[in-house]
PDB file of all heavy atoms in Angstrom:
ATOM      1  N   PHE A   1      -5.894   2.927   4.467  1.00  0.00           N
ATOM      2  CA  PHE A   1      -5.536   1.569   4.681  1.00  0.00           C
ATOM      3  C   PHE A   1      -4.292   1.200   3.779  1.00  0.00           C
ATOM      4  O   PHE A   1      -3.345   0.557   4.276  1.00  0.00           O
ATOM      5  CB  PHE A   1      -6.728   0.604   4.329  1.00  0.00           C
ATOM      6  CG  PHE A   1      -6.518  -0.792   4.788  1.00  0.00           C
ATOM      7  CD1 PHE A   1      -7.182  -1.234   5.959  1.00  0.00           C
ATOM      8  CD2 PHE A   1      -5.704  -1.696   4.144  1.00  0.00           C
ATOM      9  CE1 PHE A   1      -7.036  -2.506   6.410  1.00  0.00           C
ATOM     10  CE2 PHE A   1      -5.536  -2.959   4.594  1.00  0.00           C
ATOM     11  CZ  PHE A   1      -6.205  -3.388   5.725  1.00  0.00           C
ATOM     12  N   ALA A   2      -4.342   1.627   2.508  1.00  0.00           N
ATOM     13  CA  ALA A   2      -3.268   1.285   1.572  1.00  0.00           C
ATOM     14  C   ALA A   2      -1.941   1.987   1.984  1.00  0.00           C
ATOM     15  O   ALA A   2      -0.911   1.359   2.009  1.00  0.00           O
ATOM     16  CB  ALA A   2      -3.690   1.732   0.187  1.00  0.00           C
ATOM     17  N   ASP A   3      -2.023   3.271   2.426  1.00  0.00           N
ATOM     18  CA  ASP A   3      -0.876   3.932   2.817  1.00  0.00           C
ATOM     19  C   ASP A   3      -0.232   3.352   4.074  1.00  0.00           C
ATOM     20  O   ASP A   3       0.972   3.123   4.084  1.00  0.00           O
ATOM     21  CB  ASP A   3      -1.193   5.473   3.173  1.00  0.00           C
ATOM     22  CG  ASP A   3      -1.543   6.319   1.887  1.00  0.00           C
ATOM     23  OD1 ASP A   3      -1.333   5.794   0.762  1.00  0.00           O
ATOM     24  OD2 ASP A   3      -2.094   7.386   2.071  1.00  0.00           O
ATOM     25  N   ASP A   4      -1.013   3.101   5.052  1.00  0.00           N
ATOM     26  CA  ASP A   4      -0.553   2.466   6.309  1.00  0.00           C
ATOM     27  C   ASP A   4      -0.006   1.095   6.061  1.00  0.00           C
ATOM     28  O   ASP A   4       1.018   0.702   6.654  1.00  0.00           O
ATOM     29  CB  ASP A   4      -1.623   2.429   7.317  1.00  0.00           C
ATOM     30  CG  ASP A   4      -2.072   3.801   7.896  1.00  0.00           C
ATOM     31  OD1 ASP A   4      -1.256   4.752   7.611  1.00  0.00           O
ATOM     32  OD2 ASP A   4      -3.050   3.913   8.531  1.00  0.00           O
ATOM     33  N   TYR A   5      -0.637   0.280   5.215  1.00  0.00           N
ATOM     34  CA  TYR A   5      -0.123  -1.014   4.927  1.00  0.00           C
ATOM     35  C   TYR A   5       1.265  -0.984   4.278  1.00  0.00           C
ATOM     36  O   TYR A   5       2.114  -1.758   4.647  1.00  0.00           O
ATOM     37  CB  TYR A   5      -1.122  -1.780   3.996  1.00  0.00           C
ATOM     38  CG  TYR A   5      -1.003  -3.284   4.059  1.00  0.00           C
ATOM     39  CD1 TYR A   5      -1.824  -4.093   4.850  1.00  0.00           C
ATOM     40  CD2 TYR A   5       0.042  -3.884   3.324  1.00  0.00           C
ATOM     41  CE1 TYR A   5      -1.677  -5.422   4.932  1.00  0.00           C
ATOM     42  CE2 TYR A   5       0.185  -5.312   3.434  1.00  0.00           C
ATOM     43  CZ  TYR A   5      -0.718  -6.071   4.229  1.00  0.00           C
ATOM     44  OH  TYR A   5      -0.552  -7.394   4.333  1.00  0.00           O
ATOM     45  N   PHE A   6       1.423   0.005   3.376  1.00  0.00           N
ATOM     46  CA  PHE A   6       2.712   0.132   2.811  1.00  0.00           C
ATOM     47  C   PHE A   6       3.759   0.599   3.816  1.00  0.00           C
ATOM     48  O   PHE A   6       4.840   0.015   3.886  1.00  0.00           O
ATOM     49  CB  PHE A   6       2.646   1.191   1.694  1.00  0.00           C
ATOM     50  CG  PHE A   6       3.867   1.335   0.804  1.00  0.00           C
ATOM     51  CD1 PHE A   6       3.943   0.758  -0.428  1.00  0.00           C
ATOM     52  CD2 PHE A   6       4.977   2.072   1.263  1.00  0.00           C
ATOM     53  CE1 PHE A   6       5.096   0.836  -1.147  1.00  0.00           C
ATOM     54  CE2 PHE A   6       6.062   2.192   0.451  1.00  0.00           C
ATOM     55  CZ  PHE A   6       6.167   1.572  -0.722  1.00  0.00           C
ATOM     56  N   ASP A   7       3.458   1.607   4.628  1.00  0.00           N
ATOM     57  CA  ASP A   7       4.418   2.176   5.501  1.00  0.00           C
ATOM     58  C   ASP A   7       4.790   1.244   6.636  1.00  0.00           C
ATOM     59  O   ASP A   7       6.013   1.187   7.027  1.00  0.00           O
ATOM     60  CB  ASP A   7       3.847   3.494   6.128  1.00  0.00           C
ATOM     61  CG  ASP A   7       3.659   4.540   5.118  1.00  0.00           C
ATOM     62  OD1 ASP A   7       4.209   4.438   3.959  1.00  0.00           O
ATOM     63  OD2 ASP A   7       2.950   5.532   5.376  1.00  0.00           O
ATOM     64  N   TYR A   8       3.858   0.509   7.182  1.00  0.00           N
ATOM     65  CA  TYR A   8       4.089  -0.232   8.400  1.00  0.00           C
ATOM     66  C   TYR A   8       4.424  -1.678   8.179  1.00  0.00           C
ATOM     67  O   TYR A   8       4.626  -2.471   9.127  1.00  0.00           O
ATOM     68  CB  TYR A   8       2.934  -0.165   9.354  1.00  0.00           C
ATOM     69  CG  TYR A   8       2.607   1.211   9.833  1.00  0.00           C
ATOM     70  CD1 TYR A   8       1.397   1.852   9.577  1.00  0.00           C
ATOM     71  CD2 TYR A   8       3.607   1.949  10.565  1.00  0.00           C
ATOM     72  CE1 TYR A   8       1.200   3.236   9.988  1.00  0.00           C
ATOM     73  CE2 TYR A   8       3.341   3.308  10.982  1.00  0.00           C
ATOM     74  CZ  TYR A   8       2.154   3.876  10.677  1.00  0.00           C
ATOM     75  OH  TYR A   8       1.946   5.150  11.114  1.00  0.00           O
ATOM     76  N   ASN A   9       4.628  -2.077   6.930  1.00  0.00           N
ATOM     77  CA  ASN A   9       5.022  -3.451   6.578  1.00  0.00           C
ATOM     78  C   ASN A   9       6.351  -3.490   5.816  1.00  0.00           C
ATOM     79  O   ASN A   9       6.715  -4.506   5.242  1.00  0.00           O
ATOM     80  CB  ASN A   9       3.961  -4.175   5.772  1.00  0.00           C
ATOM     81  CG  ASN A   9       2.747  -4.613   6.639  1.00  0.00           C
ATOM     82  OD1 ASN A   9       2.831  -5.575   7.322  1.00  0.00           O
ATOM     83  ND2 ASN A   9       1.679  -3.786   6.628  1.00  0.00           N
ATOM     84  N   GLY A  10       7.085  -2.394   5.863  1.00  0.00           N
ATOM     85  CA  GLY A  10       8.473  -2.377   5.379  1.00  0.00           C
ATOM     86  C   GLY A  10       8.618  -2.367   3.872  1.00  0.00           C
ATOM     87  O   GLY A  10       9.666  -2.761   3.320  1.00  0.00           O
ATOM     88  N   TYR A  11       7.588  -1.892   3.134  1.00  0.00           N
ATOM     89  CA  TYR A  11       7.716  -1.849   1.675  1.00  0.00           C
ATOM     90  C   TYR A  11       8.538  -0.621   1.269  1.00  0.00           C
ATOM     91  O   TYR A  11       8.687   0.406   2.040  1.00  0.00           O
ATOM     92  CB  TYR A  11       6.319  -1.773   1.051  1.00  0.00           C
ATOM     93  CG  TYR A  11       5.554  -3.013   1.190  1.00  0.00           C
ATOM     94  CD1 TYR A  11       4.306  -2.986   1.956  1.00  0.00           C
ATOM     95  CD2 TYR A  11       5.953  -4.200   0.528  1.00  0.00           C
ATOM     96  CE1 TYR A  11       3.592  -4.178   2.070  1.00  0.00           C
ATOM     97  CE2 TYR A  11       5.134  -5.353   0.688  1.00  0.00           C
ATOM     98  CZ  TYR A  11       4.006  -5.321   1.461  1.00  0.00           C
ATOM     99  OH  TYR A  11       3.221  -6.474   1.596  1.00  0.00           O
ATOM    100  N   GLY A  12       9.023  -0.651   0.003  1.00  0.00           N
ATOM    101  CA  GLY A  12       9.712   0.476  -0.525  1.00  0.00           C
ATOM    102  C   GLY A  12      11.207   0.212  -0.595  1.00  0.00           C
ATOM    103  O   GLY A  12      11.776  -0.363   0.403  1.00  0.00           O
ATOM    104  N   GLN A  13      11.838   0.621  -1.710  1.00  0.00           N
ATOM    105  CA  GLN A  13      13.290   0.405  -1.873  1.00  0.00           C
ATOM    106  C   GLN A  13      14.080   1.745  -1.778  1.00  0.00           C
ATOM    107  O   GLN A  13      13.546   2.768  -2.170  1.00  0.00           O
ATOM    108  CB  GLN A  13      13.614  -0.248  -3.240  1.00  0.00           C
ATOM    109  CG  GLN A  13      12.984  -1.654  -3.340  1.00  0.00           C
ATOM    110  CD  GLN A  13      13.475  -2.373  -4.622  1.00  0.00           C
ATOM    111  OE1 GLN A  13      14.614  -2.164  -5.063  1.00  0.00           O
ATOM    112  NE2 GLN A  13      12.594  -3.152  -5.166  1.00  0.00           N
ATOM    113  N   GLY A  14      15.232   1.674  -1.210  1.00  0.00           N
ATOM    114  CA  GLY A  14      16.076   2.885  -1.107  1.00  0.00           C
ATOM    115  C   GLY A  14      15.618   3.801   0.019  1.00  0.00           C
ATOM    116  O   GLY A  14      14.658   3.548   0.739  1.00  0.00           O
ATOM    117  N   LYS A  15      16.342   4.905   0.148  1.00  0.00           N
ATOM    118  CA  LYS A  15      16.059   5.844   1.250  1.00  0.00           C
ATOM    119  C   LYS A  15      14.697   6.558   1.084  1.00  0.00           C
ATOM    120  O   LYS A  15      14.159   7.039   2.062  1.00  0.00           O
ATOM    121  CB  LYS A  15      17.178   6.882   1.285  1.00  0.00           C
ATOM    122  CG  LYS A  15      17.316   7.787   0.068  1.00  0.00           C
ATOM    123  CD  LYS A  15      18.430   8.733   0.254  1.00  0.00           C
ATOM    124  CE  LYS A  15      18.587   9.641  -0.967  1.00  0.00           C
ATOM    125  NZ  LYS A  15      19.654  10.685  -0.822  1.00  0.00           N
ATOM    126  N   ASN A  16      14.153   6.571  -0.112  1.00  0.00           N
ATOM    127  CA  ASN A  16      12.890   7.217  -0.345  1.00  0.00           C
ATOM    128  C   ASN A  16      11.715   6.256  -0.376  1.00  0.00           C
ATOM    129  O   ASN A  16      10.559   6.610  -0.618  1.00  0.00           O
ATOM    130  CB  ASN A  16      12.888   7.991  -1.723  1.00  0.00           C
ATOM    131  CG  ASN A  16      13.834   9.203  -1.639  1.00  0.00           C
ATOM    132  OD1 ASN A  16      13.955   9.847  -0.666  1.00  0.00           O
ATOM    133  ND2 ASN A  16      14.569   9.402  -2.760  1.00  0.00           N
ATOM    134  N   HIS A  17      11.976   4.963  -0.119  1.00  0.00           N
ATOM    135  CA  HIS A  17      10.932   3.909  -0.033  1.00  0.00           C
ATOM    136  C   HIS A  17      10.160   3.842  -1.305  1.00  0.00           C
ATOM    137  O   HIS A  17       8.933   3.935  -1.373  1.00  0.00           O
ATOM    138  CB  HIS A  17       9.950   4.156   1.085  1.00  0.00           C
ATOM    139  CG  HIS A  17      10.692   4.342   2.450  1.00  0.00           C
ATOM    140  ND1 HIS A  17      11.190   3.389   3.193  1.00  0.00           N
ATOM    141  CD2 HIS A  17      10.948   5.502   3.136  1.00  0.00           C
ATOM    142  CE1 HIS A  17      11.774   3.839   4.303  1.00  0.00           C
ATOM    143  NE2 HIS A  17      11.657   5.140   4.264  1.00  0.00           N
ATOM    144  N   ASP A  18      10.895   3.727  -2.464  1.00  0.00           N
ATOM    145  CA  ASP A  18      10.269   3.717  -3.783  1.00  0.00           C
ATOM    146  C   ASP A  18       9.322   2.528  -3.879  1.00  0.00           C
ATOM    147  O   ASP A  18       9.744   1.327  -3.781  1.00  0.00           O
ATOM    148  CB  ASP A  18      11.267   3.689  -4.849  1.00  0.00           C
ATOM    149  CG  ASP A  18      12.275   4.821  -4.805  1.00  0.00           C
ATOM    150  OD1 ASP A  18      11.879   5.919  -4.263  1.00  0.00           O
ATOM    151  OD2 ASP A  18      13.419   4.698  -5.235  1.00  0.00           O
ATOM    152  N   GLY A  19       8.060   2.792  -4.286  1.00  0.00           N
ATOM    153  CA  GLY A  19       7.128   1.655  -4.448  1.00  0.00           C
ATOM    154  C   GLY A  19       5.730   2.052  -4.889  1.00  0.00           C
ATOM    155  O   GLY A  19       5.393   3.249  -4.841  1.00  0.00           O
ATOM    156  N   VAL A  20       4.960   1.055  -5.230  1.00  0.00           N
ATOM    157  CA  VAL A  20       3.541   1.247  -5.594  1.00  0.00           C
ATOM    158  C   VAL A  20       2.771   0.084  -5.120  1.00  0.00           C
ATOM    159  O   VAL A  20       3.188  -1.092  -5.268  1.00  0.00           O
ATOM    160  CB  VAL A  20       3.377   1.483  -7.081  1.00  0.00           C
ATOM    161  CG1 VAL A  20       4.040   0.340  -7.912  1.00  0.00           C
ATOM    162  CG2 VAL A  20       1.980   1.621  -7.435  1.00  0.00           C
ATOM    163  N   LEU A  21       1.640   0.278  -4.448  1.00  0.00           N
ATOM    164  CA  LEU A  21       0.862  -0.805  -3.883  1.00  0.00           C
ATOM    165  C   LEU A  21      -0.648  -0.716  -4.385  1.00  0.00           C
ATOM    166  O   LEU A  21      -1.238   0.298  -4.347  1.00  0.00           O
ATOM    167  CB  LEU A  21       0.859  -0.693  -2.330  1.00  0.00           C
ATOM    168  CG  LEU A  21       0.105  -1.796  -1.564  1.00  0.00           C
ATOM    169  CD1 LEU A  21       0.851  -2.095  -0.234  1.00  0.00           C
ATOM    170  CD2 LEU A  21      -1.353  -1.369  -1.184  1.00  0.00           C
ATOM    171  N   PHE A  22      -1.110  -1.877  -4.798  1.00  0.00           N
ATOM    172  CA  PHE A  22      -2.490  -1.986  -5.280  1.00  0.00           C
ATOM    173  C   PHE A  22      -3.312  -2.744  -4.320  1.00  0.00           C
ATOM    174  O   PHE A  22      -3.062  -3.928  -4.074  1.00  0.00           O
ATOM    175  CB  PHE A  22      -2.465  -2.635  -6.668  1.00  0.00           C
ATOM    176  CG  PHE A  22      -3.836  -2.847  -7.359  1.00  0.00           C
ATOM    177  CD1 PHE A  22      -4.876  -2.025  -7.002  1.00  0.00           C
ATOM    178  CD2 PHE A  22      -4.012  -3.792  -8.323  1.00  0.00           C
ATOM    179  CE1 PHE A  22      -6.129  -2.189  -7.612  1.00  0.00           C
ATOM    180  CE2 PHE A  22      -5.236  -3.979  -8.964  1.00  0.00           C
ATOM    181  CZ  PHE A  22      -6.250  -3.160  -8.610  1.00  0.00           C
ATOM    182  N   LEU A  23      -4.283  -2.093  -3.741  1.00  0.00           N
ATOM    183  CA  LEU A  23      -5.148  -2.725  -2.669  1.00  0.00           C
ATOM    184  C   LEU A  23      -6.550  -2.855  -3.146  1.00  0.00           C
ATOM    185  O   LEU A  23      -7.077  -1.931  -3.774  1.00  0.00           O
ATOM    186  CB  LEU A  23      -5.108  -1.851  -1.415  1.00  0.00           C
ATOM    187  CG  LEU A  23      -6.204  -2.116  -0.371  1.00  0.00           C
ATOM    188  CD1 LEU A  23      -5.832  -3.357   0.478  1.00  0.00           C
ATOM    189  CD2 LEU A  23      -6.445  -0.944   0.504  1.00  0.00           C
ATOM    190  N   ILE A  24      -7.146  -4.021  -2.835  1.00  0.00           N
ATOM    191  CA  ILE A  24      -8.626  -4.152  -3.063  1.00  0.00           C
ATOM    192  C   ILE A  24      -9.213  -4.736  -1.759  1.00  0.00           C
ATOM    193  O   ILE A  24      -8.591  -5.623  -1.198  1.00  0.00           O
ATOM    194  CB  ILE A  24      -9.003  -4.980  -4.340  1.00  0.00           C
ATOM    195  CG1 ILE A  24      -8.677  -6.433  -4.133  1.00  0.00           C
ATOM    196  CG2 ILE A  24      -8.304  -4.501  -5.582  1.00  0.00           C
ATOM    197  CD1 ILE A  24      -9.394  -7.336  -5.165  1.00  0.00           C
ATOM    198  N   SER A  25     -10.401  -4.288  -1.458  1.00  0.00           N
ATOM    199  CA  SER A  25     -11.122  -4.848  -0.293  1.00  0.00           C
ATOM    200  C   SER A  25     -12.473  -5.319  -0.718  1.00  0.00           C
ATOM    201  O   SER A  25     -13.283  -4.609  -1.401  1.00  0.00           O
ATOM    202  CB  SER A  25     -11.361  -3.677   0.769  1.00  0.00           C
ATOM    203  OG  SER A  25     -12.111  -4.173   1.859  1.00  0.00           O
ATOM    204  N   MET A  26     -12.742  -6.588  -0.427  1.00  0.00           N
ATOM    205  CA  MET A  26     -13.946  -7.188  -0.978  1.00  0.00           C
ATOM    206  C   MET A  26     -15.255  -6.756  -0.219  1.00  0.00           C
ATOM    207  O   MET A  26     -16.297  -6.607  -0.904  1.00  0.00           O
ATOM    208  CB  MET A  26     -13.819  -8.691  -0.833  1.00  0.00           C
ATOM    209  CG  MET A  26     -12.669  -9.266  -1.630  1.00  0.00           C
ATOM    210  SD  MET A  26     -12.721  -8.794  -3.374  1.00  0.00           S
ATOM    211  CE  MET A  26     -14.251  -9.626  -3.915  1.00  0.00           C
ATOM    212  N   ALA A  27     -15.172  -6.459   1.039  1.00  0.00           N
ATOM    213  CA  ALA A  27     -16.405  -6.102   1.764  1.00  0.00           C
ATOM    214  C   ALA A  27     -16.962  -4.796   1.220  1.00  0.00           C
ATOM    215  O   ALA A  27     -18.171  -4.644   1.048  1.00  0.00           O
ATOM    216  CB  ALA A  27     -16.180  -6.041   3.286  1.00  0.00           C
ATOM    217  N   GLU A  28     -16.083  -3.777   1.045  1.00  0.00           N
ATOM    218  CA  GLU A  28     -16.521  -2.446   0.595  1.00  0.00           C
ATOM    219  C   GLU A  28     -16.525  -2.365  -0.930  1.00  0.00           C
ATOM    220  O   GLU A  28     -16.946  -1.285  -1.511  1.00  0.00           O
ATOM    221  CB  GLU A  28     -15.655  -1.361   1.221  1.00  0.00           C
ATOM    222  CG  GLU A  28     -15.668  -1.300   2.685  1.00  0.00           C
ATOM    223  CD  GLU A  28     -14.802  -2.302   3.411  1.00  0.00           C
ATOM    224  OE1 GLU A  28     -14.077  -3.066   2.711  1.00  0.00           O
ATOM    225  OE2 GLU A  28     -14.830  -2.309   4.665  1.00  0.00           O
ATOM    226  N   ARG A  29     -15.905  -3.338  -1.660  1.00  0.00           N
ATOM    227  CA  ARG A  29     -15.751  -3.279  -3.073  1.00  0.00           C
ATOM    228  C   ARG A  29     -15.008  -1.994  -3.472  1.00  0.00           C
ATOM    229  O   ARG A  29     -15.325  -1.296  -4.421  1.00  0.00           O
ATOM    230  CB  ARG A  29     -17.103  -3.299  -3.830  1.00  0.00           C
ATOM    231  CG  ARG A  29     -17.993  -4.507  -3.499  1.00  0.00           C
ATOM    232  CD  ARG A  29     -17.456  -5.816  -4.000  1.00  0.00           C
ATOM    233  NE  ARG A  29     -17.539  -5.789  -5.481  1.00  0.00           N
ATOM    234  CZ  ARG A  29     -17.124  -6.840  -6.192  1.00  0.00           C
ATOM    235  NH1 ARG A  29     -16.571  -7.893  -5.577  1.00  0.00           N
ATOM    236  NH2 ARG A  29     -17.184  -6.855  -7.557  1.00  0.00           N
ATOM    237  N   LYS A  30     -13.893  -1.748  -2.777  1.00  0.00           N
ATOM    238  CA  LYS A  30     -13.102  -0.611  -2.996  1.00  0.00           C
ATOM    239  C   LYS A  30     -11.667  -0.994  -3.469  1.00  0.00           C
ATOM    240  O   LYS A  30     -11.171  -2.037  -3.109  1.00  0.00           O
ATOM    241  CB  LYS A  30     -12.935   0.293  -1.726  1.00  0.00           C
ATOM    242  CG  LYS A  30     -14.177   0.905  -1.273  1.00  0.00           C
ATOM    243  CD  LYS A  30     -14.605   2.106  -2.120  1.00  0.00           C
ATOM    244  CE  LYS A  30     -15.819   2.861  -1.529  1.00  0.00           C
ATOM    245  NZ  LYS A  30     -16.179   4.025  -2.369  1.00  0.00           N
ATOM    246  N   TRP A  31     -11.057  -0.115  -4.296  1.00  0.00           N
ATOM    247  CA  TRP A  31      -9.689  -0.394  -4.623  1.00  0.00           C
ATOM    248  C   TRP A  31      -8.895   0.988  -4.502  1.00  0.00           C
ATOM    249  O   TRP A  31      -9.506   2.049  -4.532  1.00  0.00           O
ATOM    250  CB  TRP A  31      -9.577  -0.833  -6.169  1.00  0.00           C
ATOM    251  CG  TRP A  31     -10.022   0.181  -7.099  1.00  0.00           C
ATOM    252  CD1 TRP A  31     -11.223   0.371  -7.596  1.00  0.00           C
ATOM    253  CD2 TRP A  31      -9.146   1.181  -7.764  1.00  0.00           C
ATOM    254  NE1 TRP A  31     -11.293   1.391  -8.527  1.00  0.00           N
ATOM    255  CE2 TRP A  31     -10.031   1.960  -8.625  1.00  0.00           C
ATOM    256  CE3 TRP A  31      -7.870   1.527  -7.693  1.00  0.00           C
ATOM    257  CZ2 TRP A  31      -9.543   3.011  -9.407  1.00  0.00           C
ATOM    258  CZ3 TRP A  31      -7.320   2.615  -8.425  1.00  0.00           C
ATOM    259  CH2 TRP A  31      -8.223   3.265  -9.300  1.00  0.00           C
ATOM    260  N   HIS A  32      -7.585   0.833  -4.223  1.00  0.00           N
ATOM    261  CA  HIS A  32      -6.764   2.051  -4.174  1.00  0.00           C
ATOM    262  C   HIS A  32      -5.357   1.657  -4.468  1.00  0.00           C
ATOM    263  O   HIS A  32      -4.830   0.644  -4.114  1.00  0.00           O
ATOM    264  CB  HIS A  32      -6.803   2.658  -2.725  1.00  0.00           C
ATOM    265  CG  HIS A  32      -6.237   4.019  -2.625  1.00  0.00           C
ATOM    266  ND1 HIS A  32      -7.001   5.103  -2.904  1.00  0.00           N
ATOM    267  CD2 HIS A  32      -4.983   4.403  -2.375  1.00  0.00           C
ATOM    268  CE1 HIS A  32      -6.233   6.192  -2.818  1.00  0.00           C
ATOM    269  NE2 HIS A  32      -4.955   5.819  -2.497  1.00  0.00           N
ATOM    270  N   ILE A  33      -4.675   2.617  -5.195  1.00  0.00           N
ATOM    271  CA  ILE A  33      -3.267   2.496  -5.519  1.00  0.00           C
ATOM    272  C   ILE A  33      -2.525   3.572  -4.717  1.00  0.00           C
ATOM    273  O   ILE A  33      -2.865   4.769  -4.847  1.00  0.00           O
ATOM    274  CB  ILE A  33      -3.039   2.691  -7.045  1.00  0.00           C
ATOM    275  CG1 ILE A  33      -3.632   1.459  -7.808  1.00  0.00           C
ATOM    276  CG2 ILE A  33      -1.522   2.785  -7.275  1.00  0.00           C
ATOM    277  CD1 ILE A  33      -3.430   1.627  -9.336  1.00  0.00           C
TER     278      ILE A  33
END
């Protein structure tokens, strides 16, 4: 979910798409960077 959200919403700077995304989901009580 975190990887796809980053990739398909245009995040990342430069040609290598530099970035870091912190995701939390309340239903599953899960987090991912």
